C-alpha atoms as a PDB file:
ATOM      1  CA  MET A   1     117.871 164.780 245.826  1.00  0.00           C
ATOM      2  CA  ALA A   2     115.763 161.872 244.531  1.00  0.00           C
ATOM      3  CA  VAL A   3     117.613 158.690 243.582  1.00  0.00           C
ATOM      4  CA  LEU A   4     117.188 157.637 239.957  1.00  0.00           C
ATOM      5  CA  LEU A   5     116.225 153.959 239.547  1.00  0.00           C
ATOM      6  CA  THR A   6     117.156 153.161 235.958  1.00  0.00           C
ATOM      7  CA  GLY A   7     116.153 149.930 234.304  1.00  0.00           C
ATOM      8  CA  LYS A   8     119.273 149.121 232.273  1.00  0.00           C
ATOM      9  CA  PRO A   9     121.458 147.765 235.103  1.00  0.00           C
ATOM     10  CA  VAL A  10     118.553 145.620 236.289  1.00  0.00           C
ATOM     11  CA  ALA A  11     117.958 144.287 232.783  1.00  0.00           C
ATOM     12  CA  ASP A  12     121.670 143.555 232.343  1.00  0.00           C
ATOM     13  CA  ALA A  13     121.820 141.661 235.643  1.00  0.00           C
ATOM     14  CA  LEU A  14     118.738 139.624 234.748  1.00  0.00           C
ATOM     15  CA  SER A  15     120.134 138.886 231.303  1.00  0.00           C
ATOM     16  CA  ALA A  16     123.456 137.698 232.714  1.00  0.00           C
ATOM     17  CA  ASP A  17     121.671 135.293 235.051  1.00  0.00           C
ATOM     18  CA  THR A  18     119.393 134.139 232.222  1.00  0.00           C
ATOM     19  CA  ARG A  19     122.389 133.468 229.980  1.00  0.00           C
ATOM     20  CA  THR A  20     124.044 131.343 232.673  1.00  0.00           C
ATOM     21  CA  ARG A  21     120.896 129.229 232.941  1.00  0.00           C
ATOM     22  CA  ALA A  22     120.550 129.046 229.150  1.00  0.00           C
ATOM     23  CA  GLU A  23     124.125 127.854 228.797  1.00  0.00           C
ATOM     24  CA  ALA A  24     123.457 125.089 231.316  1.00  0.00           C
ATOM     25  CA  LEU A  25     120.550 123.945 229.152  1.00  0.00           C
ATOM     26  CA  LEU A  26     122.630 124.212 225.974  1.00  0.00           C
ATOM     27  CA  SER A  27     125.250 121.949 227.539  1.00  0.00           C
ATOM     28  CA  LYS A  28     122.503 119.328 227.728  1.00  0.00           C
ATOM     29  CA  GLY A  29     121.506 119.845 224.106  1.00  0.00           C
ATOM     30  CA  VAL A  30     118.486 122.049 224.853  1.00  0.00           C
ATOM     31  CA  GLN A  31     118.128 125.400 223.083  1.00  0.00           C
ATOM     32  CA  PRO A  32     115.670 127.693 224.869  1.00  0.00           C
ATOM     33  CA  ARG A  33     113.309 129.013 222.204  1.00  0.00           C
ATOM     34  CA  LEU A  34     110.825 131.881 222.155  1.00  0.00           C
ATOM     35  CA  VAL A  35     108.224 132.489 219.459  1.00  0.00           C
ATOM     36  CA  LEU A  36     106.960 136.021 218.918  1.00  0.00           C
ATOM     37  CA  LEU A  37     103.595 135.729 217.183  1.00  0.00           C
ATOM     38  CA  ARG A  38     102.035 138.793 215.597  1.00  0.00           C
ATOM     39  CA  CYS A  39      99.259 139.693 213.180  1.00  0.00           C
ATOM     40  CA  GLY A  40     100.115 142.340 210.646  1.00  0.00           C
ATOM     41  CA  ASP A  41     102.992 144.776 210.681  1.00  0.00           C
ATOM     42  CA  ASN A  42     102.273 147.162 213.549  1.00  0.00           C
ATOM     43  CA  GLU A  43     105.077 149.723 213.819  1.00  0.00           C
ATOM     44  CA  ALA A  44     104.970 149.750 217.625  1.00  0.00           C
ATOM     45  CA  ASP A  45     105.297 145.965 217.671  1.00  0.00           C
ATOM     46  CA  GLY A  46     108.342 146.266 215.437  1.00  0.00           C
ATOM     47  CA  ALA A  47     110.317 148.288 217.973  1.00  0.00           C
ATOM     48  CA  TYR A  48     109.504 145.821 220.742  1.00  0.00           C
ATOM     49  CA  ILE A  49     110.383 142.838 218.565  1.00  0.00           C
ATOM     50  CA  ARG A  50     113.753 144.283 217.584  1.00  0.00           C
ATOM     51  CA  GLY A  51     114.588 144.864 221.233  1.00  0.00           C
ATOM     52  CA  ALA A  52     113.479 141.370 222.218  1.00  0.00           C
ATOM     53  CA  VAL A  53     115.469 139.680 219.444  1.00  0.00           C
ATOM     54  CA  LYS A  54     118.586 141.691 220.294  1.00  0.00           C
ATOM     55  CA  ARG A  55     118.395 140.836 223.990  1.00  0.00           C
ATOM     56  CA  ALA A  56     117.562 137.192 223.208  1.00  0.00           C
ATOM     57  CA  ALA A  57     120.923 136.851 221.468  1.00  0.00           C
ATOM     58  CA  LEU A  58     122.628 138.191 224.601  1.00  0.00           C
ATOM     59  CA  CYS A  59     120.720 135.728 226.774  1.00  0.00           C
ATOM     60  CA  GLY A  60     121.368 132.607 224.727  1.00  0.00           C
ATOM     61  CA  VAL A  61     117.724 132.305 223.680  1.00  0.00           C
ATOM     62  CA  ALA A  62     116.621 131.604 220.118  1.00  0.00           C
ATOM     63  CA  ALA A  63     113.887 134.102 219.236  1.00  0.00           C
ATOM     64  CA  GLU A  64     111.703 133.429 216.209  1.00  0.00           C
ATOM     65  CA  LEU A  65     109.208 135.878 214.729  1.00  0.00           C
ATOM     66  CA  ARG A  66     106.115 134.389 213.119  1.00  0.00           C
ATOM     67  CA  THR A  67     104.036 137.006 211.315  1.00  0.00           C
ATOM     68  CA  LEU A  68     100.472 136.373 210.180  1.00  0.00           C
ATOM     69  CA  PRO A  69      98.602 138.568 207.694  1.00  0.00           C
ATOM     70  CA  ALA A  70      96.895 141.615 209.154  1.00  0.00           C
ATOM     71  CA  ASP A  71      93.548 140.216 207.973  1.00  0.00           C
ATOM     72  CA  ALA A  72      94.143 136.730 209.392  1.00  0.00           C
ATOM     73  CA  SER A  73      90.993 135.104 210.738  1.00  0.00           C
ATOM     74  CA  ALA A  74      90.612 133.908 214.302  1.00  0.00           C
ATOM     75  CA  ASP A  75      90.919 130.341 213.008  1.00  0.00           C
ATOM     76  CA  VAL A  76      94.275 131.130 211.398  1.00  0.00           C
ATOM     77  CA  VAL A  77      95.604 132.681 214.587  1.00  0.00           C
ATOM     78  CA  ALA A  78      94.272 129.746 216.607  1.00  0.00           C
ATOM     79  CA  ALA A  79      96.060 127.332 214.278  1.00  0.00           C
ATOM     80  CA  ALA A  80      99.324 129.228 214.743  1.00  0.00           C
ATOM     81  CA  ILE A  81      98.939 129.037 218.525  1.00  0.00           C
ATOM     82  CA  ASP A  82      98.139 125.318 218.303  1.00  0.00           C
ATOM     83  CA  ALA A  83     101.344 124.792 216.300  1.00  0.00           C
ATOM     84  CA  VAL A  84     103.330 126.439 219.101  1.00  0.00           C
ATOM     85  CA  ASN A  85     101.574 124.274 221.691  1.00  0.00           C
ATOM     86  CA  ARG A  86     102.473 121.089 219.809  1.00  0.00           C
ATOM     87  CA  ASP A  87     106.129 121.942 219.185  1.00  0.00           C
ATOM     88  CA  PRO A  88     108.361 120.614 222.008  1.00  0.00           C
ATOM     89  CA  ALA A  89     111.248 122.764 220.747  1.00  0.00           C
ATOM     90  CA  VAL A  90     109.318 125.941 221.624  1.00  0.00           C
ATOM     91  CA  HIS A  91     109.389 126.832 225.314  1.00  0.00           C
ATOM     92  CA  GLY A  92     107.755 130.258 225.325  1.00  0.00           C
ATOM     93  CA  CYS A  93     105.357 132.237 223.176  1.00  0.00           C
ATOM     94  CA  LEU A  94     104.317 135.882 223.177  1.00  0.00           C
ATOM     95  CA  LEU A  95     101.180 136.808 221.263  1.00  0.00           C
ATOM     96  CA  LEU A  96     101.661 140.490 220.500  1.00  0.00           C
ATOM     97  CA  ARG A  97      98.674 142.596 221.432  1.00  0.00           C
ATOM     98  CA  PRO A  98      96.487 144.386 220.751  1.00  0.00           C
ATOM     99  CA  LEU A  99      95.334 142.231 217.874  1.00  0.00           C
ATOM    100  CA  PRO A 100      93.911 143.866 214.738  1.00  0.00           C
ATOM    101  CA  PRO A 101      90.453 145.413 215.250  1.00  0.00           C
ATOM    102  CA  HIS A 102      88.547 142.556 213.608  1.00  0.00           C
ATOM    103  CA  LEU A 103      90.013 140.135 216.186  1.00  0.00           C
ATOM    104  CA  ARG A 104      89.494 142.207 219.343  1.00  0.00           C
ATOM    105  CA  GLY A 105      86.353 140.267 220.244  1.00  0.00           C
ATOM    106  CA  GLU A 106      88.316 137.008 219.981  1.00  0.00           C
ATOM    107  CA  GLU A 107      91.398 138.170 221.884  1.00  0.00           C
ATOM    108  CA  SER A 108      90.537 136.604 225.243  1.00  0.00           C
ATOM    109  CA  ASP A 109      89.753 133.231 223.691  1.00  0.00           C
ATOM    110  CA  LEU A 110      92.918 133.286 221.599  1.00  0.00           C
ATOM    111  CA  CYS A 111      95.070 134.157 224.609  1.00  0.00           C
ATOM    112  CA  ALA A 112      93.470 131.361 226.596  1.00  0.00           C
ATOM    113  CA  ARG A 113      94.303 128.896 223.826  1.00  0.00           C
ATOM    114  CA  LEU A 114      98.056 129.090 224.511  1.00  0.00           C
ATOM    115  CA  ALA A 115      99.446 126.264 226.631  1.00  0.00           C
ATOM    116  CA  PRO A 116     100.017 127.674 230.144  1.00  0.00           C
ATOM    117  CA  ASP A 117     103.509 126.157 230.284  1.00  0.00           C
ATOM    118  CA  LYS A 118     104.485 128.312 227.290  1.00  0.00           C
ATOM    119  CA  ASP A 119     102.679 131.456 228.408  1.00  0.00           C
ATOM    120  CA  VAL A 120     105.695 133.583 229.343  1.00  0.00           C
ATOM    121  CA  ASP A 121     103.768 136.866 229.553  1.00  0.00           C
ATOM    122  CA  GLY A 122     100.961 135.809 231.879  1.00  0.00           C
ATOM    123  CA  MET A 123      98.064 136.142 229.450  1.00  0.00           C
ATOM    124  CA  THR A 124      96.167 132.885 230.058  1.00  0.00           C
ATOM    125  CA  PRO A 125      93.564 132.311 232.801  1.00  0.00           C
ATOM    126  CA  GLU A 126      95.823 129.639 234.297  1.00  0.00           C
ATOM    127  CA  SER A 127      98.672 132.125 234.621  1.00  0.00           C
ATOM    128  CA  ALA A 128      96.385 134.665 236.250  1.00  0.00           C
ATOM    129  CA  ALA A 129      95.235 132.020 238.720  1.00  0.00           C
ATOM    130  CA  ALA A 130      98.842 131.187 239.560  1.00  0.00           C
ATOM    131  CA  VAL A 131      99.621 134.840 240.250  1.00  0.00           C
ATOM    132  CA  PHE A 132      96.590 135.265 242.480  1.00  0.00           C
ATOM    133  CA  THR A 133      96.937 131.984 244.396  1.00  0.00           C
ATOM    134  CA  GLY A 134     100.720 131.711 244.484  1.00  0.00           C
ATOM    135  CA  GLN A 135     100.339 128.173 243.164  1.00  0.00           C
ATOM    136  CA  GLY A 136     100.579 126.681 239.716  1.00  0.00           C
ATOM    137  CA  ARG A 137     102.977 126.908 236.802  1.00  0.00           C
ATOM    138  CA  GLY A 138     101.996 130.190 235.200  1.00  0.00           C
ATOM    139  CA  PHE A 139     104.147 133.299 234.942  1.00  0.00           C
ATOM    140  CA  ALA A 140     103.210 136.828 235.932  1.00  0.00           C
ATOM    141  CA  PRO A 141     102.862 139.410 233.144  1.00  0.00           C
ATOM    142  CA  CYS A 142     106.315 140.727 232.292  1.00  0.00           C
ATOM    143  CA  THR A 143     105.644 144.356 233.216  1.00  0.00           C
ATOM    144  CA  ALA A 144     104.326 143.417 236.657  1.00  0.00           C
ATOM    145  CA  GLU A 145     107.316 141.135 237.237  1.00  0.00           C
ATOM    146  CA  ALA A 146     109.636 143.901 236.025  1.00  0.00           C
ATOM    147  CA  CYS A 147     108.383 146.187 238.812  1.00  0.00           C
ATOM    148  CA  MET A 148     109.286 143.560 241.393  1.00  0.00           C
ATOM    149  CA  ALA A 149     112.667 142.838 239.791  1.00  0.00           C
ATOM    150  CA  LEU A 150     113.512 146.535 239.931  1.00  0.00           C
ATOM    151  CA  LEU A 151     112.616 146.770 243.624  1.00  0.00           C
ATOM    152  CA  ARG A 152     114.739 143.691 244.397  1.00  0.00           C
ATOM    153  CA  HIS A 153     117.724 144.959 242.441  1.00  0.00           C
ATOM    154  CA  TYR A 154     117.800 148.249 244.334  1.00  0.00           C
ATOM    155  CA  GLY A 155     117.296 146.590 247.706  1.00  0.00           C
ATOM    156  CA  ILE A 156     113.800 147.976 248.289  1.00  0.00           C
ATOM    157  CA  ALA A 157     111.959 145.338 250.330  1.00  0.00           C
ATOM    158  CA  PRO A 158     108.142 145.635 250.182  1.00  0.00           C
ATOM    159  CA  CYS A 159     107.728 143.684 253.437  1.00  0.00           C
ATOM    160  CA  GLY A 160     105.867 145.777 256.002  1.00  0.00           C
ATOM    161  CA  ARG A 161     105.580 148.780 253.691  1.00  0.00           C
ATOM    162  CA  HIS A 162     102.416 150.426 252.409  1.00  0.00           C
ATOM    163  CA  ALA A 163     102.244 150.113 248.628  1.00  0.00           C
ATOM    164  CA  VAL A 164      99.696 152.079 246.615  1.00  0.00           C
ATOM    165  CA  VAL A 165      99.059 150.719 243.123  1.00  0.00           C
ATOM    166  CA  ILE A 166      97.310 153.108 240.757  1.00  0.00           C
ATOM    167  CA  GLY A 167      95.686 151.103 237.991  1.00  0.00           C
ATOM    168  CA  ARG A 168      93.709 147.871 237.938  1.00  0.00           C
ATOM    169  CA  SER A 169      94.519 146.344 234.558  1.00  0.00           C
ATOM    170  CA  PRO A 170      95.136 142.580 234.323  1.00  0.00           C
ATOM    171  CA  VAL A 171      98.541 143.346 232.792  1.00  0.00           C
ATOM    172  CA  VAL A 172     100.028 145.523 235.554  1.00  0.00           C
ATOM    173  CA  GLY A 173      97.817 146.785 238.355  1.00  0.00           C
ATOM    174  CA  ARG A 174      96.123 143.616 239.518  1.00  0.00           C
ATOM    175  CA  PRO A 175      99.066 141.201 239.152  1.00  0.00           C
ATOM    176  CA  VAL A 176     101.630 143.569 240.700  1.00  0.00           C
ATOM    177  CA  SER A 177      99.267 144.000 243.653  1.00  0.00           C
ATOM    178  CA  MET A 178      99.307 140.239 244.190  1.00  0.00           C
ATOM    179  CA  LEU A 179     103.091 140.079 243.829  1.00  0.00           C
ATOM    180  CA  LEU A 180     103.465 142.813 246.432  1.00  0.00           C
ATOM    181  CA  LEU A 181     101.139 140.947 248.790  1.00  0.00           C
ATOM    182  CA  ARG A 182     103.351 137.876 248.411  1.00  0.00           C
ATOM    183  CA  GLU A 183     106.205 140.035 249.673  1.00  0.00           C
ATOM    184  CA  ASN A 184     104.102 141.013 252.721  1.00  0.00           C
ATOM    185  CA  ALA A 185     103.398 144.570 251.653  1.00  0.00           C
ATOM    186  CA  THR A 186     100.150 146.239 252.680  1.00  0.00           C
ATOM    187  CA  VAL A 187      98.541 147.057 249.353  1.00  0.00           C
ATOM    188  CA  THR A 188      95.950 149.658 248.374  1.00  0.00           C
ATOM    189  CA  VAL A 189      94.653 149.530 244.803  1.00  0.00           C
ATOM    190  CA  CYS A 190      93.469 152.835 243.342  1.00  0.00           C
ATOM    191  CA  HIS A 191      92.445 153.901 239.850  1.00  0.00           C
ATOM    192  CA  THR A 192      91.266 156.885 237.840  1.00  0.00           C
ATOM    193  CA  ALA A 193      87.878 156.869 239.614  1.00  0.00           C
ATOM    194  CA  THR A 194      89.348 156.847 243.138  1.00  0.00           C
ATOM    195  CA  ARG A 195      88.170 159.840 245.147  1.00  0.00           C
ATOM    196  CA  ASN A 196      90.855 161.950 246.816  1.00  0.00           C
ATOM    197  CA  LEU A 197      93.707 159.922 245.390  1.00  0.00           C
ATOM    198  CA  ALA A 198      96.249 162.079 247.221  1.00  0.00           C
ATOM    199  CA  ALA A 199      94.942 160.852 250.583  1.00  0.00           C
ATOM    200  CA  HIS A 200      96.170 157.402 249.608  1.00  0.00           C
ATOM    201  CA  THR A 201      99.411 158.288 247.843  1.00  0.00           C
ATOM    202  CA  LEU A 202     100.619 160.600 250.613  1.00  0.00           C
ATOM    203  CA  ASN A 203     100.533 157.619 252.990  1.00  0.00           C
ATOM    204  CA  ALA A 204     102.427 155.344 250.622  1.00  0.00           C
ATOM    205  CA  ASP A 205     105.960 154.043 251.023  1.00  0.00           C
ATOM    206  CA  ILE A 206     105.857 152.647 247.478  1.00  0.00           C
ATOM    207  CA  ILE A 207     103.739 154.049 244.647  1.00  0.00           C
ATOM    208  CA  ILE A 208     103.304 152.078 241.444  1.00  0.00           C
ATOM    209  CA  ALA A 209     101.645 154.316 238.856  1.00  0.00           C
ATOM    210  CA  SER A 210     100.095 152.355 236.010  1.00  0.00           C
ATOM    211  CA  ALA A 211      96.871 154.175 235.132  1.00  0.00           C
ATOM    212  CA  GLY A 212      98.019 155.367 231.714  1.00  0.00           C
ATOM    213  CA  LYS A 213      97.138 158.998 232.406  1.00  0.00           C
ATOM    214  CA  PRO A 214      99.930 161.494 231.641  1.00  0.00           C
ATOM    215  CA  GLU A 215     101.479 163.135 234.691  1.00  0.00           C
ATOM    216  CA  MET A 216      98.466 162.472 236.913  1.00  0.00           C
ATOM    217  CA  ILE A 217     100.754 162.113 239.955  1.00  0.00           C
ATOM    218  CA  THR A 218     101.786 165.611 240.993  1.00  0.00           C
ATOM    219  CA  ALA A 219     104.239 166.767 243.643  1.00  0.00           C
ATOM    220  CA  ASP A 220     101.520 167.483 246.206  1.00  0.00           C
ATOM    221  CA  MET A 221     100.490 163.801 246.034  1.00  0.00           C
ATOM    222  CA  VAL A 222     103.895 162.347 246.951  1.00  0.00           C
ATOM    223  CA  ALA A 223     105.617 162.087 250.326  1.00  0.00           C
ATOM    224  CA  GLU A 224     109.365 162.641 250.464  1.00  0.00           C
ATOM    225  CA  ARG A 225     109.927 159.080 251.701  1.00  0.00           C
ATOM    226  CA  SER A 226     108.089 157.462 248.777  1.00  0.00           C
ATOM    227  CA  ILE A 227     109.565 155.173 246.142  1.00  0.00           C
ATOM    228  CA  LEU A 228     107.843 156.070 242.874  1.00  0.00           C
ATOM    229  CA  ILE A 229     107.684 153.339 240.224  1.00  0.00           C
ATOM    230  CA  ASP A 230     106.239 154.842 237.047  1.00  0.00           C
ATOM    231  CA  VAL A 231     104.885 152.278 234.596  1.00  0.00           C
ATOM    232  CA  GLY A 232     103.010 154.759 232.406  1.00  0.00           C
ATOM    233  CA  ILE A 233     104.080 155.292 228.812  1.00  0.00           C
ATOM    234  CA  ASN A 234     102.282 158.293 227.342  1.00  0.00           C
ATOM    235  CA  THR A 235     102.904 160.716 224.501  1.00  0.00           C
ATOM    236  CA  VAL A 236     102.177 164.411 225.011  1.00  0.00           C
ATOM    237  CA  ASN A 237     103.017 166.815 222.186  1.00  0.00           C
ATOM    238  CA  GLY A 238     105.416 164.265 220.749  1.00  0.00           C
ATOM    239  CA  ARG A 239     107.174 163.777 224.082  1.00  0.00           C
ATOM    240  CA  LEU A 240     107.234 160.533 226.047  1.00  0.00           C
ATOM    241  CA  CYS A 241     106.188 160.864 229.651  1.00  0.00           C
ATOM    242  CA  GLY A 242     104.947 158.705 232.475  1.00  0.00           C
ATOM    243  CA  ASP A 243     102.038 158.883 234.888  1.00  0.00           C
ATOM    244  CA  ALA A 244     104.083 161.021 237.306  1.00  0.00           C
ATOM    245  CA  SER A 245     105.150 164.627 236.770  1.00  0.00           C
ATOM    246  CA  ALA A 246     108.801 165.621 236.873  1.00  0.00           C
ATOM    247  CA  GLU A 247     108.136 167.561 240.068  1.00  0.00           C
ATOM    248  CA  ALA A 248     106.617 164.503 241.744  1.00  0.00           C
ATOM    249  CA  CYS A 249     109.637 162.409 240.779  1.00  0.00           C
ATOM    250  CA  GLN A 250     112.067 164.930 242.222  1.00  0.00           C
ATOM    251  CA  LYS A 251     110.145 165.150 245.482  1.00  0.00           C
ATOM    252  CA  ALA A 252     110.155 161.361 246.024  1.00  0.00           C
ATOM    253  CA  ALA A 253     113.020 159.532 247.701  1.00  0.00           C
ATOM    254  CA  ALA A 254     113.590 157.544 244.503  1.00  0.00           C
ATOM    255  CA  TYR A 255     111.870 157.161 241.141  1.00  0.00           C
ATOM    256  CA  THR A 256     112.012 155.404 237.794  1.00  0.00           C
ATOM    257  CA  PRO A 257     112.423 157.504 234.640  1.00  0.00           C
ATOM    258  CA  VAL A 258     110.218 157.334 231.559  1.00  0.00           C
ATOM    259  CA  PRO A 259     111.641 156.172 229.279  1.00  0.00           C
ATOM    260  CA  GLY A 260     114.476 154.095 230.710  1.00  0.00           C
ATOM    261  CA  GLY A 261     112.777 152.668 233.784  1.00  0.00           C
ATOM    262  CA  VAL A 262     110.421 149.701 234.047  1.00  0.00           C
ATOM    263  CA  GLY A 263     109.971 149.545 230.278  1.00  0.00           C
ATOM    264  CA  ALA A 264     113.652 148.749 229.825  1.00  0.00           C
ATOM    265  CA  LEU A 265     113.160 145.540 231.812  1.00  0.00           C
ATOM    266  CA  THR A 266     110.236 143.853 230.118  1.00  0.00           C
ATOM    267  CA  THR A 267     112.156 141.978 227.415  1.00  0.00           C
ATOM    268  CA  ALA A 268     114.721 140.795 229.974  1.00  0.00           C
ATOM    269  CA  VAL A 269     111.884 139.383 232.087  1.00  0.00           C
ATOM    270  CA  LEU A 270     110.307 137.790 229.001  1.00  0.00           C
ATOM    271  CA  LEU A 271     113.538 135.928 228.236  1.00  0.00           C
ATOM    272  CA  MET A 272     114.043 134.980 231.880  1.00  0.00           C
ATOM    273  CA  HIS A 273     110.579 133.393 231.833  1.00  0.00           C
ATOM    274  CA  THR A 274     111.386 131.571 228.590  1.00  0.00           C
ATOM    275  CA  VAL A 275     114.483 129.965 230.066  1.00  0.00           C
ATOM    276  CA  GLN A 276     112.580 129.093 233.246  1.00  0.00           C
ATOM    277  CA  ALA A 277     109.929 127.434 231.083  1.00  0.00           C
ATOM    278  CA  ALA A 278     112.640 125.442 229.284  1.00  0.00           C
ATOM    279  CA  MET A 279     114.074 124.350 232.630  1.00  0.00           C
ATOM    280  CA  ARG A 280     110.669 123.189 233.809  1.00  0.00           C
ATOM    281  CA  ALA A 281     110.142 121.220 230.610  1.00  0.00           C
ATOM    282  CA  GLN A 282     113.407 119.351 231.191  1.00  0.00           C
ATOM    283  CA  LYS A 283     112.281 118.238 234.637  1.00  0.00           C
ATOM    284  CA  GLU A 284     109.158 116.541 233.301  1.00  0.00           C
END
């Protein structure tokens, strides 16, 4: 029977370690602080924010929500980011995306405006460079880092294993591929246009599914030895599901559920990065 790799115990372990580090900073008079910056009142953002604020309290991190009007101009958003950059009491900032439709063309420039030292979700070019080179001060995107944290927690070492990553987004697919390479995995990157995807996945020791296509990984595409990390969050007929079918999950050696898998870790990683950013700031 496949082993279930749930995210909650990983998130709790990360949060406990983060709180220990935060308390060490507090003893020196430093309060780790995270700013959540959003435009408008997106309902999906609201659920994420509530989870982040709740976990921040457990981790000893002060989380502050700054909400701009839904029709805020690019200049207004830029000014809000500049205020975060100038404030030494703020150690991390998350710009909630996607931005409203009228700002989509400005999103890359606005993300790049954030100071790399405060970019705790890997959205600036400097952070991307750090992930790809293994050098620099940037952080990996939280979802990509959450995949690696989950593997570490359950004692699954990527070294020497063949990892197949399905998806090439800058948020998950590309950065998690680089993180796996750092751990000496042999990495194949596939996507929705890959021909004969099963030929790749059947040879995989680790599959990370992040294409955003509901249940595209079927049982005939998974070897019984595989570890299946499902990053997909999809809604089908009002039901949440991942990129892997239930049959594929049961055939694998181990798998993450959706919901309750990688997604349960992202806020814990966000707060871990915030405290790490605060620690770095104290060393300067």
